[in-house]
Amino acid sequence: MADRKITPIPTLPKEILRAIDNDTLAIFIGAGVSRLLGCMGWDELAKNLARTCFHTKTNGGASCISYKEMKTISQYPDHKKTISICRHILKKEGLLHIFYQELEDSLKPNEELAKSQNIYDEIYGLRGLFITTNIDQHFDNKFIRSRIVYQPKDFYPENIDRTKLYHIHGSIVDKDSIIFTVPQYIERYNDAKFRAFLQRIFDDYVVLFVGYGLAEFELLDFLITKVDSKQGKELRHFTLQGFYRGEENILEFEEAYYNQMGIRILAYEKDERGYHQLFEVIKVWNRQINQTSTYLYDSRKQIEEIIKSYGK
C-alpha cells in the first residue's frame, strides 16, 4: 500500500465509464448523501427520539420513560434499535404521530446547502439506474411521480427500468412503506421477489455505492448471504469512502472486508472538507464523464437523426 496514496479525487474507474456508455451503471444512494444536505443521521434521530420519549407525557401525566431509560436506550450502538424501541413506546401510549413528526423533522434539509451544493444534482448527472435506501424525497424531483417506486410489490426483477427511482426501504410519502425495525428488514430481505430484484441488479449492472457506512450497510449482508453472484469475487462493484491523509493502512484493512463481496473501495481524502468532499468527487467525475464518455455523442446523434426524420 506504500505506493498508493489517498487523494481528494479518486480516479474514475474505466469500468464505471464503460457502464455509463452501456447503460449498465446502478447507483445505490445511502443516508450519507442526504446528510450532506443537512438532514439528520440515524444517530441524531435516535437520540432525539429518546429525549422525546422522556419529555413526552402519557395520559396519566408521567413521562413515557424515565431519565435512566432515556440514557440507556440512547447509548445503544445500533441506532435503528433505539429508533424501533422509541416507536414502540410512543405507539403503546397512543402517540405514534409524535414519532412520525420527529421522523419528518429529521429529513428536513439545510436550505442553503440544498441550493449551493446539492449533491443530488451531481449524482443525477451520472445517468445510472438509481436505487436508494433513503426514505426522504430530496431526489424525487428528478423523476416523474409515477416513476418513483417504493411499494415492495412493485420491485419487479424482470422489468428493471432506468427511468424509475427505486426507494427500496420505502418513502416518507407512505409511512406504511417504511422499514426500520429488525422484523421489517428480515421480512423485506427474505422476500423472494425482492431478492431476485437485487440479484438481477448485482448480476447485470456495475454498482456504485454512494453515502454508505458499515453501520447502515444492510445490503452487505445481502451480498454475503443471499446473492449467488455469477461474477464470484470479481471486483466489479464500487463504494466511495472517505479517509484521512495517511490512513492507507486503514484503507487496506477495510478493503480486506469489502473485497470479499466483490466491492472495490474508491477512497477520497476528507482532511479539508470532511464528508462534504464527496460532493466535489461527484462534481469532478461528472466533468470527466462528459469529456470521455460516448454518451453525449450518442445522444446528439440520436437527436440529429430525429430532426432529419421530421424533415422528410
Protein backbone atom coordinates (compact mmCIF):
# COMPACT_ATOMS: atom_id res chain seq x y z
CA MET A 1 0.00 0.00 0.00
CA ALA A 2 3.03 2.30 0.30
CA ASP A 3 2.76 3.41 -3.33
CA ARG A 4 -0.98 4.06 -3.15
CA LYS A 5 -1.95 7.44 -1.76
CA ILE A 6 -5.39 8.62 -0.70
CA THR A 7 -6.18 11.70 -2.78
CA PRO A 8 -9.01 14.29 -2.70
CA ILE A 9 -10.42 13.00 -6.01
CA PRO A 10 -10.08 9.25 -6.68
CA THR A 11 -9.51 8.05 -10.22
CA LEU A 12 -12.75 7.39 -12.08
CA PRO A 13 -12.66 3.66 -12.88
CA LYS A 14 -12.85 2.68 -16.52
CA GLU A 15 -15.46 0.08 -15.53
CA ILE A 16 -17.83 2.87 -14.46
CA LEU A 17 -17.22 4.79 -17.70
CA ARG A 18 -17.99 1.68 -19.75
CA ALA A 19 -21.10 1.01 -17.69
CA ILE A 20 -22.39 4.53 -18.37
CA ASP A 21 -21.86 4.03 -22.11
CA ASN A 22 -23.60 0.65 -21.94
CA ASP A 23 -26.48 1.78 -19.68
CA THR A 24 -25.37 -0.73 -17.04
CA LEU A 25 -24.40 1.54 -14.13
CA ALA A 26 -26.53 1.23 -10.98
CA ILE A 27 -26.07 3.78 -8.20
CA PHE A 28 -27.15 2.97 -4.64
CA ILE A 29 -27.71 6.15 -2.62
CA GLY A 30 -27.36 5.99 1.17
CA ALA A 31 -28.02 8.23 4.16
CA GLY A 32 -24.63 9.93 3.86
CA VAL A 33 -25.81 11.71 0.73
CA SER A 34 -28.82 13.33 2.41
CA ARG A 35 -26.67 14.22 5.42
CA LEU A 36 -24.64 16.47 3.10
CA LEU A 37 -27.84 18.50 2.67
CA GLY A 38 -28.14 18.90 6.44
CA CYS A 39 -30.52 16.02 7.16
CA MET A 40 -30.06 14.11 10.40
CA GLY A 41 -28.37 10.75 10.51
CA TRP A 42 -29.79 7.73 12.29
CA ASP A 43 -27.62 8.52 15.33
CA GLU A 44 -29.03 12.01 15.82
CA LEU A 45 -32.60 10.88 15.18
CA ALA A 46 -32.22 8.08 17.72
CA LYS A 47 -31.05 10.48 20.45
CA ASN A 48 -33.81 12.98 19.65
CA LEU A 49 -36.46 10.26 19.86
CA ALA A 50 -35.13 9.02 23.19
CA ARG A 51 -35.30 12.58 24.55
CA THR A 52 -38.79 12.98 23.13
CA CYS A 53 -39.96 9.82 24.90
CA PHE A 54 -38.59 11.19 28.17
CA HIS A 55 -40.13 14.65 27.80
CA THR A 56 -43.50 13.45 26.44
CA LYS A 57 -46.23 12.85 29.00
CA THR A 58 -48.66 9.96 28.92
CA ASN A 59 -52.38 10.40 29.56
CA GLY A 60 -51.62 9.71 33.20
CA GLY A 61 -49.22 12.65 33.36
CA ALA A 62 -45.99 10.68 33.74
CA SER A 63 -43.11 10.65 31.25
CA CYS A 64 -43.21 7.83 28.71
CA ILE A 65 -39.83 6.66 30.02
CA SER A 66 -37.56 7.56 32.92
CA TYR A 67 -34.34 9.55 32.66
CA LYS A 68 -32.34 6.37 33.26
CA GLU A 69 -34.21 4.58 30.48
CA MET A 70 -33.61 7.51 28.15
CA LYS A 71 -29.85 7.39 28.79
CA THR A 72 -29.77 3.61 28.39
CA ILE A 73 -31.54 3.40 25.03
CA SER A 74 -29.66 6.48 23.77
CA GLN A 75 -26.37 4.65 24.19
CA TYR A 76 -27.23 1.58 22.14
CA PRO A 77 -24.63 1.30 19.34
CA ASP A 78 -27.37 0.14 16.95
CA HIS A 79 -29.25 3.39 16.31
CA LYS A 80 -32.06 1.66 14.46
CA LYS A 81 -32.64 -0.44 17.55
CA THR A 82 -33.14 2.76 19.57
CA ILE A 83 -35.48 4.15 16.91
CA SER A 84 -37.51 0.93 16.88
CA ILE A 85 -37.84 0.96 20.67
CA CYS A 86 -38.94 4.60 20.70
CA ARG A 87 -41.54 3.87 18.06
CA HIS A 88 -42.86 1.00 20.18
CA ILE A 89 -43.00 3.21 23.30
CA LEU A 90 -44.87 6.04 21.59
CA LYS A 91 -47.22 3.67 19.77
CA LYS A 92 -48.08 1.92 23.04
CA GLU A 93 -49.07 5.29 24.53
CA GLY A 94 -51.18 6.22 21.51
CA LEU A 95 -48.62 8.86 20.46
CA LEU A 96 -47.38 7.42 17.19
CA HIS A 97 -47.99 10.76 15.46
CA ILE A 98 -45.19 12.25 17.58
CA PHE A 99 -42.79 9.59 16.30
CA TYR A 100 -43.59 10.42 12.68
CA GLN A 101 -43.30 14.15 13.30
CA GLU A 102 -39.78 13.62 14.66
CA LEU A 103 -39.01 11.43 11.66
CA GLU A 104 -40.21 14.07 9.19
CA ASP A 105 -38.27 16.80 11.00
CA SER A 106 -35.10 14.73 10.72
CA LEU A 107 -35.43 14.69 6.93
CA LYS A 108 -35.56 18.47 6.51
CA PRO A 109 -32.51 19.85 4.67
CA ASN A 110 -30.45 22.95 5.29
CA GLU A 111 -31.87 25.29 2.62
CA GLU A 112 -28.52 26.97 1.97
CA LEU A 113 -26.76 23.65 1.42
CA ALA A 114 -29.61 22.43 -0.77
CA LYS A 115 -29.11 25.46 -3.03
CA SER A 116 -25.32 25.87 -3.00
CA GLN A 117 -24.13 22.26 -3.24
CA ASN A 118 -26.98 19.90 -3.90
CA ILE A 119 -25.19 16.61 -4.37
CA TYR A 120 -28.31 15.06 -5.88
CA ASP A 121 -27.91 17.35 -8.89
CA GLU A 122 -24.43 15.93 -9.43
CA ILE A 123 -25.43 12.32 -8.81
CA TYR A 124 -28.23 12.59 -11.35
CA GLY A 125 -25.61 13.58 -13.92
CA LEU A 126 -24.03 10.11 -13.63
CA ARG A 127 -27.00 8.78 -15.62
CA GLY A 128 -27.41 5.44 -13.89
CA LEU A 129 -30.16 3.24 -12.60
CA PHE A 130 -30.92 4.88 -9.25
CA ILE A 131 -31.74 2.89 -6.11
CA THR A 132 -31.91 4.49 -2.67
CA THR A 133 -32.29 3.21 0.87
CA ASN A 134 -33.27 6.74 1.96
CA ILE A 135 -36.90 7.49 2.76
CA ASP A 136 -36.70 11.24 2.07
CA GLN A 137 -37.87 12.96 -1.11
CA HIS A 138 -34.77 15.01 -1.93
CA PHE A 139 -34.09 13.11 -5.16
CA ASP A 140 -37.72 12.65 -6.15
CA ASN A 141 -37.98 15.92 -8.08
CA LYS A 142 -35.72 14.45 -10.78
CA PHE A 143 -38.38 11.88 -11.65
CA ILE A 144 -41.97 11.77 -12.80
CA ARG A 145 -44.11 10.89 -9.78
CA SER A 146 -45.46 7.73 -11.39
CA ARG A 147 -41.86 6.55 -11.90
CA ILE A 148 -41.00 6.65 -8.19
CA VAL A 149 -41.23 3.14 -6.74
CA TYR A 150 -41.47 2.41 -3.02
CA GLN A 151 -44.04 -0.38 -2.63
CA PRO A 152 -42.43 -3.84 -2.32
CA LYS A 153 -44.95 -5.33 -4.74
CA ASP A 154 -43.51 -3.09 -7.48
CA PHE A 155 -39.90 -4.33 -7.34
CA TYR A 156 -40.05 -6.44 -10.50
CA PRO A 157 -36.78 -8.26 -11.31
CA GLU A 158 -37.90 -8.85 -14.89
CA ASN A 159 -38.70 -5.21 -15.60
CA ILE A 160 -35.99 -3.00 -14.08
CA ASP A 161 -36.39 0.47 -15.55
CA ARG A 162 -33.67 3.15 -15.66
CA THR A 163 -36.29 5.90 -15.80
CA LYS A 164 -37.51 4.98 -12.31
CA LEU A 165 -36.23 5.82 -8.84
CA TYR A 166 -36.38 2.84 -6.50
CA HIS A 167 -36.88 3.55 -2.76
CA ILE A 168 -36.14 0.02 -1.55
CA HIS A 169 -36.73 0.87 2.14
CA GLY A 170 -39.93 2.82 1.50
CA SER A 171 -40.77 6.51 1.27
CA ILE A 172 -41.95 9.12 3.76
CA VAL A 173 -44.90 9.81 1.41
CA ASP A 174 -46.37 6.48 2.59
CA LYS A 175 -45.47 5.77 6.21
CA ASP A 176 -46.66 2.17 5.94
CA SER A 177 -43.99 1.51 3.30
CA ILE A 178 -41.07 2.49 5.56
CA ILE A 179 -38.89 -0.23 7.08
CA PHE A 180 -36.58 0.41 10.03
CA THR A 181 -37.34 -2.31 12.59
CA VAL A 182 -35.48 -5.62 12.62
CA PRO A 183 -38.57 -7.71 11.75
CA GLN A 184 -39.29 -5.38 8.80
CA TYR A 185 -35.74 -5.74 7.46
CA ILE A 186 -35.88 -9.51 7.82
CA GLU A 187 -39.21 -9.64 6.00
CA ARG A 188 -38.06 -7.38 3.16
CA TYR A 189 -34.70 -9.05 2.56
CA ASN A 190 -36.19 -12.54 2.72
CA ASP A 191 -38.93 -11.77 0.19
CA ALA A 192 -38.22 -13.91 -2.88
CA LYS A 193 -39.19 -11.26 -5.43
CA PHE A 194 -37.19 -8.54 -3.68
CA ARG A 195 -34.13 -10.82 -3.52
CA ALA A 196 -34.50 -11.56 -7.21
CA PHE A 197 -34.76 -7.81 -7.91
CA LEU A 198 -31.48 -7.09 -6.08
CA GLN A 199 -29.73 -10.13 -7.51
CA ARG A 200 -30.61 -9.04 -11.03
CA ILE A 201 -29.02 -5.64 -10.36
CA PHE A 202 -25.83 -7.07 -8.83
CA ASP A 203 -25.50 -9.61 -11.64
CA ASP A 204 -26.28 -7.36 -14.61
CA TYR A 205 -25.01 -3.93 -13.52
CA VAL A 206 -21.81 -2.33 -12.32
CA VAL A 207 -22.84 -0.95 -8.92
CA LEU A 208 -21.57 2.23 -7.26
CA PHE A 209 -22.46 2.77 -3.58
CA VAL A 210 -22.57 6.44 -2.52
CA GLY A 211 -23.16 7.65 1.04
CA TYR A 212 -22.87 4.35 2.89
CA GLY A 213 -21.02 3.44 6.08
CA LEU A 214 -20.66 -0.01 7.59
CA ALA A 215 -23.31 0.78 10.22
CA GLU A 216 -26.03 1.20 7.56
CA PHE A 217 -24.97 -1.36 5.01
CA GLU A 218 -27.78 -3.92 5.23
CA LEU A 219 -27.03 -4.55 1.58
CA LEU A 220 -23.66 -6.03 2.52
CA ASP A 221 -25.38 -8.78 4.47
CA PHE A 222 -27.48 -9.43 1.39
CA LEU A 223 -24.36 -9.66 -0.77
CA ILE A 224 -22.71 -12.08 1.64
CA THR A 225 -25.62 -14.38 2.43
CA LYS A 226 -28.25 -14.03 -0.28
CA VAL A 227 -26.62 -13.41 -3.67
CA ASP A 228 -25.11 -16.29 -5.57
CA SER A 229 -23.39 -13.90 -7.94
CA LYS A 230 -22.41 -15.09 -11.39
CA GLN A 231 -19.31 -12.95 -11.09
CA GLY A 232 -17.86 -14.61 -7.98
CA LYS A 233 -15.35 -12.37 -6.22
CA GLU A 234 -14.50 -10.22 -9.24
CA LEU A 235 -14.20 -6.59 -8.08
CA ARG A 236 -16.88 -5.19 -10.37
CA HIS A 237 -18.75 -3.07 -7.81
CA PHE A 238 -17.51 0.08 -6.08
CA THR A 239 -18.05 2.16 -2.95
CA LEU A 240 -16.91 5.73 -2.32
CA GLN A 241 -15.43 6.07 1.17
CA GLY A 242 -13.72 8.98 2.95
CA PHE A 243 -10.38 8.60 4.75
CA TYR A 244 -7.87 10.95 6.33
CA ARG A 245 -4.49 11.59 4.75
CA GLY A 246 -2.07 8.84 5.75
CA GLU A 247 -4.77 6.23 6.51
CA GLU A 248 -3.63 3.92 3.74
CA ASN A 249 -3.25 1.14 6.31
CA ILE A 250 -6.88 1.59 7.45
CA LEU A 251 -7.95 1.54 3.80
CA GLU A 252 -6.11 -1.75 3.36
CA PHE A 253 -7.95 -3.26 6.35
CA GLU A 254 -11.34 -2.21 5.01
CA GLU A 255 -10.51 -3.48 1.55
CA ALA A 256 -9.95 -6.93 3.03
CA TYR A 257 -13.58 -6.82 4.18
CA TYR A 258 -15.23 -5.26 1.12
CA ASN A 259 -13.29 -7.29 -1.45
CA GLN A 260 -14.92 -10.47 -0.16
CA MET A 261 -18.18 -9.17 -1.62
CA GLY A 262 -16.70 -8.10 -4.94
CA ILE A 263 -16.60 -4.43 -3.90
CA ARG A 264 -13.63 -2.17 -4.52
CA ILE A 265 -13.18 0.92 -2.32
CA LEU A 266 -12.69 4.25 -4.08
CA ALA A 267 -11.05 6.28 -1.33
CA TYR A 268 -11.14 10.07 -1.15
CA GLU A 269 -9.29 12.35 1.26
CA LYS A 270 -11.56 14.14 3.73
CA ASP A 271 -8.97 16.21 5.65
CA GLU A 272 -10.14 19.62 4.40
CA ARG A 273 -13.90 19.29 3.93
CA GLY A 274 -14.85 16.13 5.79
CA TYR A 275 -17.54 14.08 4.08
CA HIS A 276 -18.56 17.17 2.08
CA GLN A 277 -15.62 16.25 -0.14
CA LEU A 278 -17.95 13.64 -1.61
CA PHE A 279 -19.77 16.47 -3.41
CA GLU A 280 -16.50 17.56 -5.04
CA VAL A 281 -15.72 14.00 -6.09
CA ILE A 282 -19.04 13.54 -7.90
CA LYS A 283 -18.78 17.02 -9.42
CA VAL A 284 -15.32 16.34 -10.89
CA TRP A 285 -16.37 12.92 -12.08
CA ASN A 286 -19.28 14.46 -13.95
CA ARG A 287 -16.90 16.72 -15.88
CA GLN A 288 -14.64 13.78 -16.68
CA ILE A 289 -17.56 11.67 -17.84
CA ASN A 290 -18.78 14.40 -20.17
CA GLN A 291 -15.31 14.69 -21.66
CA THR A 292 -14.62 10.99 -22.16
CA SER A 293 -17.93 9.13 -22.29
CA THR A 294 -19.61 8.43 -25.64
CA TYR A 295 -22.98 9.14 -24.02
CA LEU A 296 -23.18 12.77 -25.18
CA TYR A 297 -22.06 11.86 -28.67
CA ASP A 298 -24.64 9.09 -28.92
CA SER A 299 -27.38 11.37 -27.54
CA ARG A 300 -26.50 14.12 -30.00
CA LYS A 301 -26.52 11.62 -32.84
CA GLN A 302 -29.99 10.39 -31.82
CA ILE A 303 -31.30 13.98 -31.73
CA GLU A 304 -29.87 14.69 -35.19
CA GLU A 305 -31.49 11.54 -36.58
CA ILE A 306 -34.87 12.54 -35.10
CA ILE A 307 -34.58 16.02 -36.63
CA LYS A 308 -33.71 14.54 -40.02
CA SER A 309 -36.68 12.17 -39.88
CA TYR A 310 -39.05 15.10 -39.21
CA GLY A 311 -37.61 16.94 -42.20
CA LYS A 312 -38.53 14.17 -44.60
